[in-house]
C-alpha atoms as a PDB file:
ATOM      1  CA  UNK A   1      14.561 -35.431 -30.037  1.00  0.00           C
ATOM      2  CA  UNK A   2      14.165 -32.217 -32.017  1.00  0.00           C
ATOM      3  CA  UNK A   3      10.408 -32.740 -31.988  1.00  0.00           C
ATOM      4  CA  UNK A   4      10.455 -32.977 -28.272  1.00  0.00           C
ATOM      5  CA  UNK A   5      12.531 -30.027 -28.254  1.00  0.00           C
ATOM      6  CA  UNK A   6      10.833 -28.350 -30.609  1.00  0.00           C
ATOM      7  CA  UNK A   7       7.462 -28.839 -28.152  1.00  0.00           C
ATOM      8  CA  UNK A   8       9.193 -27.879 -25.219  1.00  0.00           C
ATOM      9  CA  UNK A   9      10.201 -24.225 -26.740  1.00  0.00           C
ATOM     10  CA  UNK A  10       6.707 -23.637 -28.387  1.00  0.00           C
ATOM     11  CA  UNK A  11       5.339 -24.074 -24.228  1.00  0.00           C
ATOM     12  CA  UNK A  12       8.096 -21.764 -23.208  1.00  0.00           C
ATOM     13  CA  UNK A  13       7.263 -19.552 -25.914  1.00  0.00           C
ATOM     14  CA  UNK A  14       3.369 -19.433 -25.588  1.00  0.00           C
ATOM     15  CA  UNK A  15       4.269 -19.479 -21.310  1.00  0.00           C
ATOM     16  CA  UNK A  16       6.462 -16.509 -21.915  1.00  0.00           C
ATOM     17  CA  UNK A  17       4.168 -14.438 -24.016  1.00  0.00           C
ATOM     18  CA  UNK A  18       1.040 -15.330 -21.711  1.00  0.00           C
ATOM     19  CA  UNK A  19       2.610 -14.258 -18.691  1.00  0.00           C
ATOM     20  CA  UNK A  20       3.734 -11.087 -20.046  1.00  0.00           C
ATOM     21  CA  UNK A  21       0.701  -9.996 -22.227  1.00  0.00           C
ATOM     22  CA  UNK A  22      -0.749  -6.908 -20.637  1.00  0.00           C
ATOM     23  CA  UNK A  23      -3.659  -6.788 -19.380  1.00  0.00           C
ATOM     24  CA  UNK A  24      -6.346  -4.328 -18.754  1.00  0.00           C
ATOM     25  CA  UNK A  25      -8.870  -5.454 -17.024  1.00  0.00           C
ATOM     26  CA  UNK A  26      -7.357  -7.566 -14.520  1.00  0.00           C
ATOM     27  CA  UNK A  27      -6.111  -3.848 -13.268  1.00  0.00           C
ATOM     28  CA  UNK A  28     -10.065  -2.332 -13.138  1.00  0.00           C
ATOM     29  CA  UNK A  29     -10.807  -5.520 -11.352  1.00  0.00           C
ATOM     30  CA  UNK A  30      -8.340  -4.927  -8.752  1.00  0.00           C
ATOM     31  CA  UNK A  31      -9.320  -1.191  -8.247  1.00  0.00           C
ATOM     32  CA  UNK A  32     -12.331  -1.541  -7.744  1.00  0.00           C
ATOM     33  CA  UNK A  33     -12.325  -4.399  -5.354  1.00  0.00           C
ATOM     34  CA  UNK A  34      -9.611  -2.548  -3.218  1.00  0.00           C
ATOM     35  CA  UNK A  35     -12.454   0.434  -3.175  1.00  0.00           C
ATOM     36  CA  UNK A  36     -14.931  -1.609  -2.208  1.00  0.00           C
ATOM     37  CA  UNK A  37     -13.409  -2.859   0.917  1.00  0.00           C
ATOM     38  CA  UNK A  38     -11.678   0.564   1.562  1.00  0.00           C
ATOM     39  CA  UNK A  39     -15.688   2.126   1.366  1.00  0.00           C
ATOM     40  CA  UNK A  40     -17.256  -0.066   3.985  1.00  0.00           C
ATOM     41  CA  UNK A  41     -17.982   2.422   7.086  1.00  0.00           C
ATOM     42  CA  UNK A  42     -17.871   0.799  10.143  1.00  0.00           C
ATOM     43  CA  UNK A  43     -20.054   1.692  13.193  1.00  0.00           C
ATOM     44  CA  UNK A  44     -18.419   2.919  17.114  1.00  0.00           C
ATOM     45  CA  UNK A  45     -19.410  -0.231  18.352  1.00  0.00           C
ATOM     46  CA  UNK A  46     -17.987  -2.185  15.762  1.00  0.00           C
ATOM     47  CA  UNK A  47     -14.851  -0.195  16.131  1.00  0.00           C
ATOM     48  CA  UNK A  48     -14.590  -0.718  19.756  1.00  0.00           C
ATOM     49  CA  UNK A  49     -14.411  -4.430  19.483  1.00  0.00           C
ATOM     50  CA  UNK A  50     -12.108  -4.548  16.886  1.00  0.00           C
ATOM     51  CA  UNK A  51      -9.719  -2.361  19.075  1.00  0.00           C
ATOM     52  CA  UNK A  52     -10.510  -4.340  21.807  1.00  0.00           C
ATOM     53  CA  UNK A  53      -9.345  -8.003  19.731  1.00  0.00           C
ATOM     54  CA  UNK A  54      -6.370  -5.964  17.834  1.00  0.00           C
ATOM     55  CA  UNK A  55      -4.481  -5.383  21.618  1.00  0.00           C
ATOM     56  CA  UNK A  56      -1.520  -7.535  21.100  1.00  0.00           C
ATOM     57  CA  UNK A  57      -0.034  -9.611  24.113  1.00  0.00           C
ATOM     58  CA  UNK A  58       2.406  -7.342  25.664  1.00  0.00           C
ATOM     59  CA  UNK A  59       5.091 -10.151  27.595  1.00  0.00           C
ATOM     60  CA  UNK A  60       8.927  -9.971  28.135  1.00  0.00           C
ATOM     61  CA  UNK A  61       9.483 -11.715  24.636  1.00  0.00           C
ATOM     62  CA  UNK A  62       6.877  -9.158  23.465  1.00  0.00           C
ATOM     63  CA  UNK A  63      10.061  -6.287  22.446  1.00  0.00           C
ATOM     64  CA  UNK A  64       9.573  -5.037  18.850  1.00  0.00           C
ATOM     65  CA  UNK A  65       5.563  -3.802  20.326  1.00  0.00           C
ATOM     66  CA  UNK A  66       5.889  -0.602  22.654  1.00  0.00           C
ATOM     67  CA  UNK A  67       4.649  -0.758  25.667  1.00  0.00           C
ATOM     68  CA  UNK A  68       2.174   2.443  26.492  1.00  0.00           C
ATOM     69  CA  UNK A  69       2.396   4.860  29.344  1.00  0.00           C
ATOM     70  CA  UNK A  70      -1.633   5.131  30.553  1.00  0.00           C
END
């Protein structure tokens, strides 16, 4: 019984040290991924297609999106 308790405590301790350790390479990877996603430029034609798709459907139940007056 004591051996099982010691093994369980060892695994919990190992998991805690692994989860709480600082990983500086991980932060650098996230920054480079975010920068590459932001740096992609879109042409006016592409942006027009995106804007056409991104319009929400306004109905009587959709109260969180204000209707644009044109």
